[in-house]
Amino acid sequence: MATDTEKNHLQKWLTERSLELTLRSTVDEEAVTPVDSSEGNLASLVNEYDPIQGANWGEIRLLSSKILHADYRHRDVYFAILAGWDDELLLIAPFSRYSTPATQGEWLTGRKDTSLRVLNLWNAHSVPASAIQTSWIVDHLSEVDRLHALDVFWHVTMGDPLQNELIDRVGPPIIHSHDPRIDYQEEEVTLMSPIAKMAITWAEESHEPKNVIYIFRETLPTAMAAKDFDEPATNDQSFKASLGKANLILHFLCTTNVATISILDASTLNLSTLLDGGCIKGPNDKILSDISQGSSQSFDVTDFDQIEIFDAEGIPVDLEPIEE
């Protein structure tokens, strides 16, 4: 049963949402006069972007509309840099356009500025610095607030218990499949989709080893809904690999914080033993699991964001992501 605080959050959010949808329907787009932002006009008044450098955890930034999805370039999108993974990827989360948290993955920051009142941790993304270079620093989270935001992030993505002091500062769970908040979440994912695609492209085309599987820390609406239905969110990826003349498919599946890898024959889709004797490694060459009878054992991925695959000779296995 929902608490009084959850009911209050939901009622306030629904009121805000209803008002916004009404305003959207009454706007006459043809009556809007385009603004000339060419060189010598508004563009000359805008400061240069603030570079991403050094210890930038806790920065609050305004994202340039140039890299947003075309349907949302009218919005001011603020985001916070919460953490970093292996000096390559940054964990960022956007702020909500509403002043009340909509779901358990949204955190009431306590700030007075409407644009910075709610942080959407369910819509967090692991991105390279290049994906967010076109942005400006506007403020900073305190270290306490940054850690609180991470607590909510781990709660919504990995199921970690939420601190008592944060329970009343997040929204209520989604219970019904027709909940209007699901449509809202889909909009928010679309908003950030260009950045998510840039992160995936970077992972696939960067100088990083081709035998690395990146465990992106993000939760899409479907996974968020599953979380609110008390079902674990999953991270599901497949890769092509070759061993001699044999073609393989490696299937990576992570449920909550536990992962497994299955090795399949590409032609028959049956388990293949060609990588038996190999292993899965995490950071610092830590062996997470041996490969036997066509699959790994279950292994924990809570404390890192990438893994590597090695064959029985200790040679890294090159991987090619399979697009869905």
C-alpha atoms as a PDB file:
ATOM      1  CA  MET A   1       0.000   0.000   0.000  1.00  0.00           C
ATOM      2  CA  ALA A   2       1.305   3.453  -0.917  1.00  0.00           C
ATOM      3  CA  THR A   3       2.418   5.730   1.903  1.00  0.00           C
ATOM      4  CA  ASP A   4       0.931   9.197   2.400  1.00  0.00           C
ATOM      5  CA  THR A   5       4.162  10.707   1.084  1.00  0.00           C
ATOM      6  CA  GLU A   6       4.026   8.556  -2.064  1.00  0.00           C
ATOM      7  CA  LYS A   7       0.388   9.514  -2.634  1.00  0.00           C
ATOM      8  CA  ASN A   8       1.296  13.179  -2.218  1.00  0.00           C
ATOM      9  CA  HIS A   9       4.203  12.932  -4.654  1.00  0.00           C
ATOM     10  CA  LEU A  10       2.045  11.165  -7.227  1.00  0.00           C
ATOM     11  CA  GLN A  11      -0.819  13.630  -6.968  1.00  0.00           C
ATOM     12  CA  LYS A  12       1.500  16.608  -7.370  1.00  0.00           C
ATOM     13  CA  TRP A  13       3.283  15.008 -10.314  1.00  0.00           C
ATOM     14  CA  LEU A  14       0.009  14.111 -12.073  1.00  0.00           C
ATOM     15  CA  THR A  15      -1.168  17.701 -11.651  1.00  0.00           C
ATOM     16  CA  GLU A  16       2.045  19.052 -13.180  1.00  0.00           C
ATOM     17  CA  ARG A  17       1.893  16.515 -15.995  1.00  0.00           C
ATOM     18  CA  SER A  18      -1.739  17.313 -16.795  1.00  0.00           C
ATOM     19  CA  LEU A  19      -0.990  21.041 -16.931  1.00  0.00           C
ATOM     20  CA  GLU A  20       1.968  20.500 -19.247  1.00  0.00           C
ATOM     21  CA  LEU A  21       0.000  18.266 -21.624  1.00  0.00           C
ATOM     22  CA  THR A  22      -2.780  20.854 -21.756  1.00  0.00           C
ATOM     23  CA  LEU A  23      -0.293  23.605 -22.595  1.00  0.00           C
ATOM     24  CA  ARG A  24       1.259  21.427 -25.295  1.00  0.00           C
ATOM     25  CA  SER A  25      -2.117  20.915 -26.961  1.00  0.00           C
ATOM     26  CA  THR A  26      -2.886  24.649 -27.029  1.00  0.00           C
ATOM     27  CA  VAL A  27       0.402  25.827 -28.516  1.00  0.00           C
ATOM     28  CA  ASP A  28       0.068  26.930 -32.134  1.00  0.00           C
ATOM     29  CA  GLU A  29       3.432  25.918 -33.536  1.00  0.00           C
ATOM     30  CA  GLU A  30       2.832  27.826 -36.775  1.00  0.00           C
ATOM     31  CA  ALA A  31       2.519  31.040 -34.792  1.00  0.00           C
ATOM     32  CA  VAL A  32       5.968  30.674 -33.292  1.00  0.00           C
ATOM     33  CA  THR A  33       8.558  32.885 -34.987  1.00  0.00           C
ATOM     34  CA  PRO A  34      11.922  31.135 -35.429  1.00  0.00           C
ATOM     35  CA  VAL A  35      14.801  32.850 -33.676  1.00  0.00           C
ATOM     36  CA  ASP A  36      17.854  33.738 -35.763  1.00  0.00           C
ATOM     37  CA  SER A  37      20.754  32.103 -33.919  1.00  0.00           C
ATOM     38  CA  SER A  38      23.307  32.597 -36.704  1.00  0.00           C
ATOM     39  CA  GLU A  39      26.815  33.933 -36.210  1.00  0.00           C
ATOM     40  CA  GLY A  40      26.798  37.579 -35.276  1.00  0.00           C
ATOM     41  CA  ASN A  41      23.467  37.316 -33.491  1.00  0.00           C
ATOM     42  CA  LEU A  42      22.640  35.136 -30.448  1.00  0.00           C
ATOM     43  CA  ALA A  43      25.496  32.721 -31.094  1.00  0.00           C
ATOM     44  CA  SER A  44      28.026  35.492 -30.486  1.00  0.00           C
ATOM     45  CA  LEU A  45      26.582  36.056 -27.001  1.00  0.00           C
ATOM     46  CA  VAL A  46      26.954  32.448 -25.836  1.00  0.00           C
ATOM     47  CA  ASN A  47      30.021  31.506 -23.810  1.00  0.00           C
ATOM     48  CA  GLU A  48      32.327  28.769 -25.010  1.00  0.00           C
ATOM     49  CA  TYR A  49      31.616  25.303 -23.657  1.00  0.00           C
ATOM     50  CA  ASP A  50      33.278  24.399 -20.363  1.00  0.00           C
ATOM     51  CA  PRO A  51      35.784  21.599 -20.976  1.00  0.00           C
ATOM     52  CA  ILE A  52      35.410  18.237 -19.265  1.00  0.00           C
ATOM     53  CA  GLN A  53      38.648  17.844 -17.351  1.00  0.00           C
ATOM     54  CA  GLY A  54      40.092  16.848 -14.000  1.00  0.00           C
ATOM     55  CA  ALA A  55      37.965  15.850 -11.034  1.00  0.00           C
ATOM     56  CA  ASN A  56      34.509  16.843 -12.266  1.00  0.00           C
ATOM     57  CA  TRP A  57      32.306  14.581 -10.145  1.00  0.00           C
ATOM     58  CA  GLY A  58      29.405  16.580  -8.796  1.00  0.00           C
ATOM     59  CA  GLU A  59      29.304  19.132 -11.600  1.00  0.00           C
ATOM     60  CA  ILE A  60      25.851  20.253 -12.722  1.00  0.00           C
ATOM     61  CA  ARG A  61      25.855  21.175 -16.393  1.00  0.00           C
ATOM     62  CA  LEU A  62      23.495  22.606 -19.001  1.00  0.00           C
ATOM     63  CA  LEU A  63      23.564  20.518 -22.176  1.00  0.00           C
ATOM     64  CA  SER A  64      23.675  22.214 -25.562  1.00  0.00           C
ATOM     65  CA  SER A  65      20.435  21.687 -27.458  1.00  0.00           C
ATOM     66  CA  LYS A  66      22.485  20.870 -30.576  1.00  0.00           C
ATOM     67  CA  ILE A  67      22.925  17.251 -29.519  1.00  0.00           C
ATOM     68  CA  LEU A  68      19.422  16.634 -28.181  1.00  0.00           C
ATOM     69  CA  HIS A  69      16.758  14.712 -30.070  1.00  0.00           C
ATOM     70  CA  ALA A  70      15.150  17.102 -32.562  1.00  0.00           C
ATOM     71  CA  ASP A  71      11.752  16.948 -30.856  1.00  0.00           C
ATOM     72  CA  TYR A  72      13.196  18.218 -27.581  1.00  0.00           C
ATOM     73  CA  ARG A  73      15.581  21.001 -28.586  1.00  0.00           C
ATOM     74  CA  HIS A  74      13.240  23.557 -27.050  1.00  0.00           C
ATOM     75  CA  ARG A  75      14.040  22.167 -23.583  1.00  0.00           C
ATOM     76  CA  ASP A  76      16.789  23.209 -21.207  1.00  0.00           C
ATOM     77  CA  VAL A  77      18.381  19.937 -20.115  1.00  0.00           C
ATOM     78  CA  TYR A  78      20.535  19.947 -17.013  1.00  0.00           C
ATOM     79  CA  PHE A  79      22.509  16.935 -15.855  1.00  0.00           C
ATOM     80  CA  ALA A  80      24.841  15.969 -13.025  1.00  0.00           C
ATOM     81  CA  ILE A  81      28.107  14.057 -13.276  1.00  0.00           C
ATOM     82  CA  LEU A  82      27.896  11.477 -10.491  1.00  0.00           C
ATOM     83  CA  ALA A  83      30.915   9.202 -10.892  1.00  0.00           C
ATOM     84  CA  GLY A  84      33.432   7.752 -13.326  1.00  0.00           C
ATOM     85  CA  TRP A  85      34.315   4.246 -14.442  1.00  0.00           C
ATOM     86  CA  ASP A  86      37.967   3.370 -15.127  1.00  0.00           C
ATOM     87  CA  ASP A  87      38.894   6.967 -16.092  1.00  0.00           C
ATOM     88  CA  GLU A  88      37.037   6.544 -19.405  1.00  0.00           C
ATOM     89  CA  LEU A  89      33.302   6.726 -18.791  1.00  0.00           C
ATOM     90  CA  LEU A  90      31.305   9.196 -16.735  1.00  0.00           C
ATOM     91  CA  LEU A  91      27.995   8.381 -15.054  1.00  0.00           C
ATOM     92  CA  ILE A  92      25.542  11.203 -15.737  1.00  0.00           C
ATOM     93  CA  ALA A  93      21.880  11.687 -14.854  1.00  0.00           C
ATOM     94  CA  PRO A  94      19.482  14.345 -16.213  1.00  0.00           C
ATOM     95  CA  PHE A  95      17.255  16.510 -14.076  1.00  0.00           C
ATOM     96  CA  SER A  96      13.495  16.270 -14.484  1.00  0.00           C
ATOM     97  CA  ARG A  97      11.401  19.084 -15.932  1.00  0.00           C
ATOM     98  CA  TYR A  98       8.959  18.529 -13.072  1.00  0.00           C
ATOM     99  CA  SER A  99       9.361  19.634  -9.470  1.00  0.00           C
ATOM    100  CA  THR A 100       8.080  16.362  -7.983  1.00  0.00           C
ATOM    101  CA  PRO A 101       9.617  12.866  -8.308  1.00  0.00           C
ATOM    102  CA  ALA A 102       7.514  10.599 -10.537  1.00  0.00           C
ATOM    103  CA  THR A 103       8.987   7.182  -9.680  1.00  0.00           C
ATOM    104  CA  GLN A 104      11.304   5.408  -7.276  1.00  0.00           C
ATOM    105  CA  GLY A 105      14.175   6.269  -9.605  1.00  0.00           C
ATOM    106  CA  GLU A 106      13.653  10.021  -9.210  1.00  0.00           C
ATOM    107  CA  TRP A 107      15.157  11.869  -6.267  1.00  0.00           C
ATOM    108  CA  LEU A 108      14.036  15.151  -4.711  1.00  0.00           C
ATOM    109  CA  THR A 109      17.289  17.102  -4.345  1.00  0.00           C
ATOM    110  CA  GLY A 110      16.054  19.787  -1.948  1.00  0.00           C
ATOM    111  CA  ARG A 111      17.110  22.619  -4.266  1.00  0.00           C
ATOM    112  CA  LYS A 112      14.854  25.630  -4.820  1.00  0.00           C
ATOM    113  CA  ASP A 113      15.508  26.057  -8.547  1.00  0.00           C
ATOM    114  CA  THR A 114      12.671  24.269 -10.361  1.00  0.00           C
ATOM    115  CA  SER A 115      15.036  22.952 -13.031  1.00  0.00           C
ATOM    116  CA  LEU A 116      17.220  21.244 -10.423  1.00  0.00           C
ATOM    117  CA  ARG A 117      14.659  19.932  -7.951  1.00  0.00           C
ATOM    118  CA  VAL A 118      14.426  16.339  -9.189  1.00  0.00           C
ATOM    119  CA  LEU A 119      17.231  14.123 -10.515  1.00  0.00           C
ATOM    120  CA  ASN A 120      16.268  11.188 -12.765  1.00  0.00           C
ATOM    121  CA  LEU A 121      18.545   8.328 -11.711  1.00  0.00           C
ATOM    122  CA  TRP A 122      16.550   5.722 -13.671  1.00  0.00           C
ATOM    123  CA  ASN A 123      17.625   7.589 -16.836  1.00  0.00           C
ATOM    124  CA  ALA A 124      21.334   7.666 -15.991  1.00  0.00           C
ATOM    125  CA  HIS A 125      23.893   6.845 -18.679  1.00  0.00           C
ATOM    126  CA  SER A 126      27.559   5.865 -18.756  1.00  0.00           C
ATOM    127  CA  VAL A 127      29.127   8.072 -21.419  1.00  0.00           C
ATOM    128  CA  PRO A 128      32.575   9.138 -22.643  1.00  0.00           C
ATOM    129  CA  ALA A 129      33.508  12.743 -21.925  1.00  0.00           C
ATOM    130  CA  SER A 130      33.247  13.512 -25.652  1.00  0.00           C
ATOM    131  CA  ALA A 131      29.482  12.925 -25.523  1.00  0.00           C
ATOM    132  CA  ILE A 132      28.910  15.806 -23.114  1.00  0.00           C
ATOM    133  CA  GLN A 133      31.628  18.283 -24.130  1.00  0.00           C
ATOM    134  CA  THR A 134      28.993  20.639 -25.525  1.00  0.00           C
ATOM    135  CA  SER A 135      27.811  21.793 -22.110  1.00  0.00           C
ATOM    136  CA  TRP A 136      28.299  24.504 -19.526  1.00  0.00           C
ATOM    137  CA  ILE A 137      28.913  24.248 -15.770  1.00  0.00           C
ATOM    138  CA  VAL A 138      26.093  25.925 -13.839  1.00  0.00           C
ATOM    139  CA  ASP A 139      26.501  24.560 -10.306  1.00  0.00           C
ATOM    140  CA  HIS A 140      27.810  21.656  -8.220  1.00  0.00           C
ATOM    141  CA  LEU A 141      26.285  18.954  -6.049  1.00  0.00           C
ATOM    142  CA  SER A 142      27.640  18.749  -2.547  1.00  0.00           C
ATOM    143  CA  GLU A 143      29.511  15.537  -1.801  1.00  0.00           C
ATOM    144  CA  VAL A 144      26.647  14.435   0.448  1.00  0.00           C
ATOM    145  CA  ASP A 145      24.096  15.020  -2.320  1.00  0.00           C
ATOM    146  CA  ARG A 146      26.266  13.230  -4.878  1.00  0.00           C
ATOM    147  CA  LEU A 147      26.487  10.172  -2.638  1.00  0.00           C
ATOM    148  CA  HIS A 148      22.744  10.293  -1.990  1.00  0.00           C
ATOM    149  CA  ALA A 149      22.127  10.387  -5.752  1.00  0.00           C
ATOM    150  CA  LEU A 150      24.359   7.340  -6.170  1.00  0.00           C
ATOM    151  CA  ASP A 151      22.432   5.553  -3.425  1.00  0.00           C
ATOM    152  CA  VAL A 152      19.207   6.065  -5.385  1.00  0.00           C
ATOM    153  CA  PHE A 153      20.961   4.999  -8.607  1.00  0.00           C
ATOM    154  CA  TRP A 154      22.166   1.708  -7.093  1.00  0.00           C
ATOM    155  CA  HIS A 155      18.746   1.210  -5.525  1.00  0.00           C
ATOM    156  CA  VAL A 156      16.896   1.497  -8.812  1.00  0.00           C
ATOM    157  CA  THR A 157      19.441  -0.348 -10.993  1.00  0.00           C
ATOM    158  CA  MET A 158      20.797  -3.026  -8.685  1.00  0.00           C
ATOM    159  CA  GLY A 159      18.145  -3.329  -5.987  1.00  0.00           C
ATOM    160  CA  ASP A 160      20.307  -2.038  -3.144  1.00  0.00           C
ATOM    161  CA  PRO A 161      18.319  -0.994  -0.041  1.00  0.00           C
ATOM    162  CA  LEU A 162      17.517   2.712   0.134  1.00  0.00           C
ATOM    163  CA  GLN A 163      18.643   4.706   3.163  1.00  0.00           C
ATOM    164  CA  ASN A 164      15.770   5.648   5.470  1.00  0.00           C
ATOM    165  CA  GLU A 165      16.477   9.355   5.049  1.00  0.00           C
ATOM    166  CA  LEU A 166      15.962   9.046   1.274  1.00  0.00           C
ATOM    167  CA  ILE A 167      12.730   7.026   1.230  1.00  0.00           C
ATOM    168  CA  ASP A 168      10.449  10.080   1.381  1.00  0.00           C
ATOM    169  CA  ARG A 169      12.532  11.872  -1.279  1.00  0.00           C
ATOM    170  CA  VAL A 170      11.794   9.464  -4.131  1.00  0.00           C
ATOM    171  CA  GLY A 171       8.562   8.875  -6.006  1.00  0.00           C
ATOM    172  CA  PRO A 172       6.103   5.979  -5.796  1.00  0.00           C
ATOM    173  CA  PRO A 173       6.506   2.720  -7.723  1.00  0.00           C
ATOM    174  CA  ILE A 174       4.761   2.022 -11.015  1.00  0.00           C
ATOM    175  CA  ILE A 175       2.169  -0.675 -10.408  1.00  0.00           C
ATOM    176  CA  HIS A 176      -0.037  -0.769 -13.500  1.00  0.00           C
ATOM    177  CA  SER A 177       1.074  -1.325 -17.091  1.00  0.00           C
ATOM    178  CA  HIS A 178      -1.080   1.598 -18.291  1.00  0.00           C
ATOM    179  CA  ASP A 179       0.354   4.051 -15.784  1.00  0.00           C
ATOM    180  CA  PRO A 180       0.782   7.469 -17.548  1.00  0.00           C
ATOM    181  CA  ARG A 181       4.270   7.716 -16.093  1.00  0.00           C
ATOM    182  CA  ILE A 182       5.449   5.047 -18.553  1.00  0.00           C
ATOM    183  CA  ASP A 183       4.662   7.382 -21.491  1.00  0.00           C
ATOM    184  CA  TYR A 184       6.587  10.104 -19.682  1.00  0.00           C
ATOM    185  CA  GLN A 185       9.590   7.804 -19.223  1.00  0.00           C
ATOM    186  CA  GLU A 186       9.582   6.943 -22.917  1.00  0.00           C
ATOM    187  CA  GLU A 187       9.762  10.656 -23.707  1.00  0.00           C
ATOM    188  CA  GLU A 188      12.713  11.081 -21.359  1.00  0.00           C
ATOM    189  CA  VAL A 189      14.589   8.169 -22.912  1.00  0.00           C
ATOM    190  CA  THR A 190      14.029   9.649 -26.376  1.00  0.00           C
ATOM    191  CA  LEU A 191      15.352  12.964 -25.093  1.00  0.00           C
ATOM    192  CA  MET A 192      18.659  11.364 -24.098  1.00  0.00           C
ATOM    193  CA  SER A 193      18.839   8.865 -26.979  1.00  0.00           C
ATOM    194  CA  PRO A 194      21.485  10.792 -28.988  1.00  0.00           C
ATOM    195  CA  ILE A 195      23.847  10.683 -26.011  1.00  0.00           C
ATOM    196  CA  ALA A 196      23.135   6.996 -25.416  1.00  0.00           C
ATOM    197  CA  LYS A 197      23.921   6.259 -29.068  1.00  0.00           C
ATOM    198  CA  MET A 198      27.159   8.240 -28.842  1.00  0.00           C
ATOM    199  CA  ALA A 199      28.201   6.112 -25.862  1.00  0.00           C
ATOM    200  CA  ILE A 200      27.479   2.876 -27.716  1.00  0.00           C
ATOM    201  CA  THR A 201      29.346   4.096 -30.809  1.00  0.00           C
ATOM    202  CA  TRP A 202      32.318   5.079 -28.658  1.00  0.00           C
ATOM    203  CA  ALA A 203      32.408   1.645 -27.056  1.00  0.00           C
ATOM    204  CA  GLU A 204      32.260  -0.076 -30.437  1.00  0.00           C
ATOM    205  CA  GLU A 205      34.689   2.145 -32.346  1.00  0.00           C
ATOM    206  CA  SER A 206      37.136   3.497 -29.762  1.00  0.00           C
ATOM    207  CA  HIS A 207      40.659   2.292 -29.147  1.00  0.00           C
ATOM    208  CA  GLU A 208      39.417   0.054 -26.363  1.00  0.00           C
ATOM    209  CA  PRO A 209      40.149  -3.689 -26.745  1.00  0.00           C
ATOM    210  CA  LYS A 210      37.598  -5.547 -28.867  1.00  0.00           C
ATOM    211  CA  ASN A 211      37.367  -8.284 -26.247  1.00  0.00           C
ATOM    212  CA  VAL A 212      35.732  -5.948 -23.713  1.00  0.00           C
ATOM    213  CA  ILE A 213      32.050  -6.190 -22.811  1.00  0.00           C
ATOM    214  CA  TYR A 214      30.806  -2.911 -21.340  1.00  0.00           C
ATOM    215  CA  ILE A 215      28.142  -3.155 -18.662  1.00  0.00           C
ATOM    216  CA  PHE A 216      26.305   0.124 -19.202  1.00  0.00           C
ATOM    217  CA  ARG A 217      24.682   1.459 -16.039  1.00  0.00           C
ATOM    218  CA  GLU A 218      21.306   2.552 -17.282  1.00  0.00           C
ATOM    219  CA  THR A 219      17.702   1.520 -16.949  1.00  0.00           C
ATOM    220  CA  LEU A 220      15.145   1.946 -19.753  1.00  0.00           C
ATOM    221  CA  PRO A 221      11.413   2.379 -19.080  1.00  0.00           C
ATOM    222  CA  THR A 222      10.680  -1.296 -19.657  1.00  0.00           C
ATOM    223  CA  ALA A 223      13.326  -2.264 -17.143  1.00  0.00           C
ATOM    224  CA  MET A 224      12.143   0.461 -14.798  1.00  0.00           C
ATOM    225  CA  ALA A 225       8.596  -0.841 -14.994  1.00  0.00           C
ATOM    226  CA  ALA A 226       9.875  -4.345 -14.342  1.00  0.00           C
ATOM    227  CA  LYS A 227      11.738  -3.035 -11.321  1.00  0.00           C
ATOM    228  CA  ASP A 228       8.586  -1.467  -9.967  1.00  0.00           C
ATOM    229  CA  PHE A 229       6.779  -4.778 -10.456  1.00  0.00           C
ATOM    230  CA  ASP A 230       9.437  -6.347  -8.195  1.00  0.00           C
ATOM    231  CA  GLU A 231      11.053  -8.070 -11.173  1.00  0.00           C
ATOM    232  CA  PRO A 232      14.831  -7.734 -11.675  1.00  0.00           C
ATOM    233  CA  ALA A 233      16.106  -5.461 -14.447  1.00  0.00           C
ATOM    234  CA  THR A 234      18.347  -7.177 -16.985  1.00  0.00           C
ATOM    235  CA  ASN A 235      21.301  -6.241 -19.182  1.00  0.00           C
ATOM    236  CA  ASP A 236      21.228  -8.494 -22.255  1.00  0.00           C
ATOM    237  CA  GLN A 237      23.911  -8.374 -24.988  1.00  0.00           C
ATOM    238  CA  SER A 238      25.086 -10.721 -27.739  1.00  0.00           C
ATOM    239  CA  PHE A 239      28.391 -10.794 -29.648  1.00  0.00           C
ATOM    240  CA  LYS A 240      29.913 -12.561 -32.643  1.00  0.00           C
ATOM    241  CA  ALA A 241      33.315 -14.206 -32.182  1.00  0.00           C
ATOM    242  CA  SER A 242      35.575 -16.445 -34.252  1.00  0.00           C
ATOM    243  CA  LEU A 243      37.895 -19.179 -33.046  1.00  0.00           C
ATOM    244  CA  GLY A 244      39.845 -20.567 -35.965  1.00  0.00           C
ATOM    245  CA  LYS A 245      37.264 -21.411 -38.622  1.00  0.00           C
ATOM    246  CA  ALA A 246      34.464 -21.697 -36.095  1.00  0.00           C
ATOM    247  CA  ASN A 247      31.938 -18.896 -35.666  1.00  0.00           C
ATOM    248  CA  LEU A 248      30.500 -18.367 -32.210  1.00  0.00           C
ATOM    249  CA  ILE A 249      27.856 -16.270 -30.516  1.00  0.00           C
ATOM    250  CA  LEU A 250      28.518 -15.152 -26.955  1.00  0.00           C
ATOM    251  CA  HIS A 251      25.420 -14.226 -24.984  1.00  0.00           C
ATOM    252  CA  PHE A 252      25.940 -11.982 -21.948  1.00  0.00           C
ATOM    253  CA  LEU A 253      23.071 -11.797 -19.450  1.00  0.00           C
ATOM    254  CA  CYS A 254      23.150  -9.743 -16.250  1.00  0.00           C
ATOM    255  CA  THR A 255      20.231  -9.863 -13.824  1.00  0.00           C
ATOM    256  CA  THR A 256      20.508  -7.339 -11.002  1.00  0.00           C
ATOM    257  CA  ASN A 257      24.236  -7.666 -10.162  1.00  0.00           C
ATOM    258  CA  VAL A 258      24.877 -11.270 -11.262  1.00  0.00           C
ATOM    259  CA  ALA A 259      26.022 -12.141 -14.788  1.00  0.00           C
ATOM    260  CA  THR A 260      26.561 -15.251 -16.921  1.00  0.00           C
ATOM    261  CA  ILE A 261      27.951 -15.833 -20.412  1.00  0.00           C
ATOM    262  CA  SER A 262      26.884 -18.632 -22.762  1.00  0.00           C
ATOM    263  CA  ILE A 263      28.952 -19.678 -25.787  1.00  0.00           C
ATOM    264  CA  LEU A 264      26.876 -20.879 -28.747  1.00  0.00           C
ATOM    265  CA  ASP A 265      27.721 -22.347 -32.127  1.00  0.00           C
ATOM    266  CA  ALA A 266      26.618 -19.674 -34.613  1.00  0.00           C
ATOM    267  CA  SER A 267      25.156 -22.172 -37.067  1.00  0.00           C
ATOM    268  CA  THR A 268      23.272 -24.470 -34.678  1.00  0.00           C
ATOM    269  CA  LEU A 269      22.798 -22.164 -31.649  1.00  0.00           C
ATOM    270  CA  ASN A 270      23.758 -25.102 -29.438  1.00  0.00           C
ATOM    271  CA  LEU A 271      26.237 -24.660 -26.609  1.00  0.00           C
ATOM    272  CA  SER A 272      29.820 -24.808 -27.864  1.00  0.00           C
ATOM    273  CA  THR A 273      32.791 -26.085 -25.848  1.00  0.00           C
ATOM    274  CA  LEU A 274      35.418 -24.350 -28.006  1.00  0.00           C
ATOM    275  CA  LEU A 275      36.156 -21.801 -25.270  1.00  0.00           C
ATOM    276  CA  ASP A 276      36.205 -24.356 -22.462  1.00  0.00           C
ATOM    277  CA  GLY A 277      39.309 -23.832 -20.353  1.00  0.00           C
ATOM    278  CA  GLY A 278      39.114 -20.105 -20.943  1.00  0.00           C
ATOM    279  CA  CYS A 279      37.920 -17.541 -18.429  1.00  0.00           C
ATOM    280  CA  ILE A 280      36.146 -14.259 -17.759  1.00  0.00           C
ATOM    281  CA  LYS A 281      38.262 -11.476 -16.254  1.00  0.00           C
ATOM    282  CA  GLY A 282      37.412  -8.205 -14.573  1.00  0.00           C
ATOM    283  CA  PRO A 283      39.683  -5.265 -13.707  1.00  0.00           C
ATOM    284  CA  ASN A 284      43.295  -5.985 -12.730  1.00  0.00           C
ATOM    285  CA  ASP A 285      43.138  -9.426 -14.383  1.00  0.00           C
ATOM    286  CA  LYS A 286      40.831 -10.720 -11.671  1.00  0.00           C
ATOM    287  CA  ILE A 287      39.353 -14.054 -12.781  1.00  0.00           C
ATOM    288  CA  LEU A 288      35.598 -13.907 -12.291  1.00  0.00           C
ATOM    289  CA  SER A 289      34.688 -17.291 -13.726  1.00  0.00           C
ATOM    290  CA  ASP A 290      36.102 -20.202 -15.681  1.00  0.00           C
ATOM    291  CA  ILE A 291      34.380 -21.320 -18.891  1.00  0.00           C
ATOM    292  CA  SER A 292      33.225 -24.920 -18.861  1.00  0.00           C
ATOM    293  CA  GLN A 293      30.690 -26.901 -20.882  1.00  0.00           C
ATOM    294  CA  GLY A 294      29.857 -23.900 -23.027  1.00  0.00           C
ATOM    295  CA  SER A 295      29.184 -21.312 -20.358  1.00  0.00           C
ATOM    296  CA  SER A 296      30.584 -19.414 -17.425  1.00  0.00           C
ATOM    297  CA  GLN A 297      29.550 -19.712 -13.834  1.00  0.00           C
ATOM    298  CA  SER A 298      27.510 -16.867 -12.365  1.00  0.00           C
ATOM    299  CA  PHE A 299      29.720 -13.945 -11.360  1.00  0.00           C
ATOM    300  CA  ASP A 300      29.188 -10.634  -9.570  1.00  0.00           C
ATOM    301  CA  VAL A 301      29.542  -7.355 -11.512  1.00  0.00           C
ATOM    302  CA  THR A 302      28.550  -4.882  -8.801  1.00  0.00           C
ATOM    303  CA  ASP A 303      31.914  -3.131  -8.515  1.00  0.00           C
ATOM    304  CA  PHE A 304      32.965  -2.726 -12.148  1.00  0.00           C
ATOM    305  CA  ASP A 305      31.618  -1.886 -15.578  1.00  0.00           C
ATOM    306  CA  GLN A 306      33.528  -4.096 -18.034  1.00  0.00           C
ATOM    307  CA  ILE A 307      34.715  -7.675 -18.447  1.00  0.00           C
ATOM    308  CA  GLU A 308      37.053  -9.497 -20.824  1.00  0.00           C
ATOM    309  CA  ILE A 309      36.896 -12.962 -22.405  1.00  0.00           C
ATOM    310  CA  PHE A 310      39.959 -15.195 -22.803  1.00  0.00           C
ATOM    311  CA  ASP A 311      40.347 -18.568 -24.512  1.00  0.00           C
ATOM    312  CA  ALA A 312      42.135 -21.619 -23.066  1.00  0.00           C
ATOM    313  CA  GLU A 313      45.501 -20.261 -24.276  1.00  0.00           C
ATOM    314  CA  GLY A 314      45.000 -16.973 -22.460  1.00  0.00           C
ATOM    315  CA  ILE A 315      44.390 -15.051 -25.687  1.00  0.00           C
ATOM    316  CA  PRO A 316      41.670 -12.372 -25.606  1.00  0.00           C
ATOM    317  CA  VAL A 317      38.638 -13.164 -27.744  1.00  0.00           C
ATOM    318  CA  ASP A 318      37.672 -10.394 -30.181  1.00  0.00           C
ATOM    319  CA  LEU A 319      33.979  -9.577 -30.046  1.00  0.00           C
ATOM    320  CA  GLU A 320      31.604  -7.907 -32.509  1.00  0.00           C
ATOM    321  CA  PRO A 321      28.346  -6.615 -30.999  1.00  0.00           C
ATOM    322  CA  ILE A 322      25.166  -7.976 -32.567  1.00  0.00           C
ATOM    323  CA  GLU A 323      22.645  -5.206 -33.115  1.00  0.00           C
ATOM    324  CA  GLU A 324      19.147  -5.930 -31.893  1.00  0.00           C
END
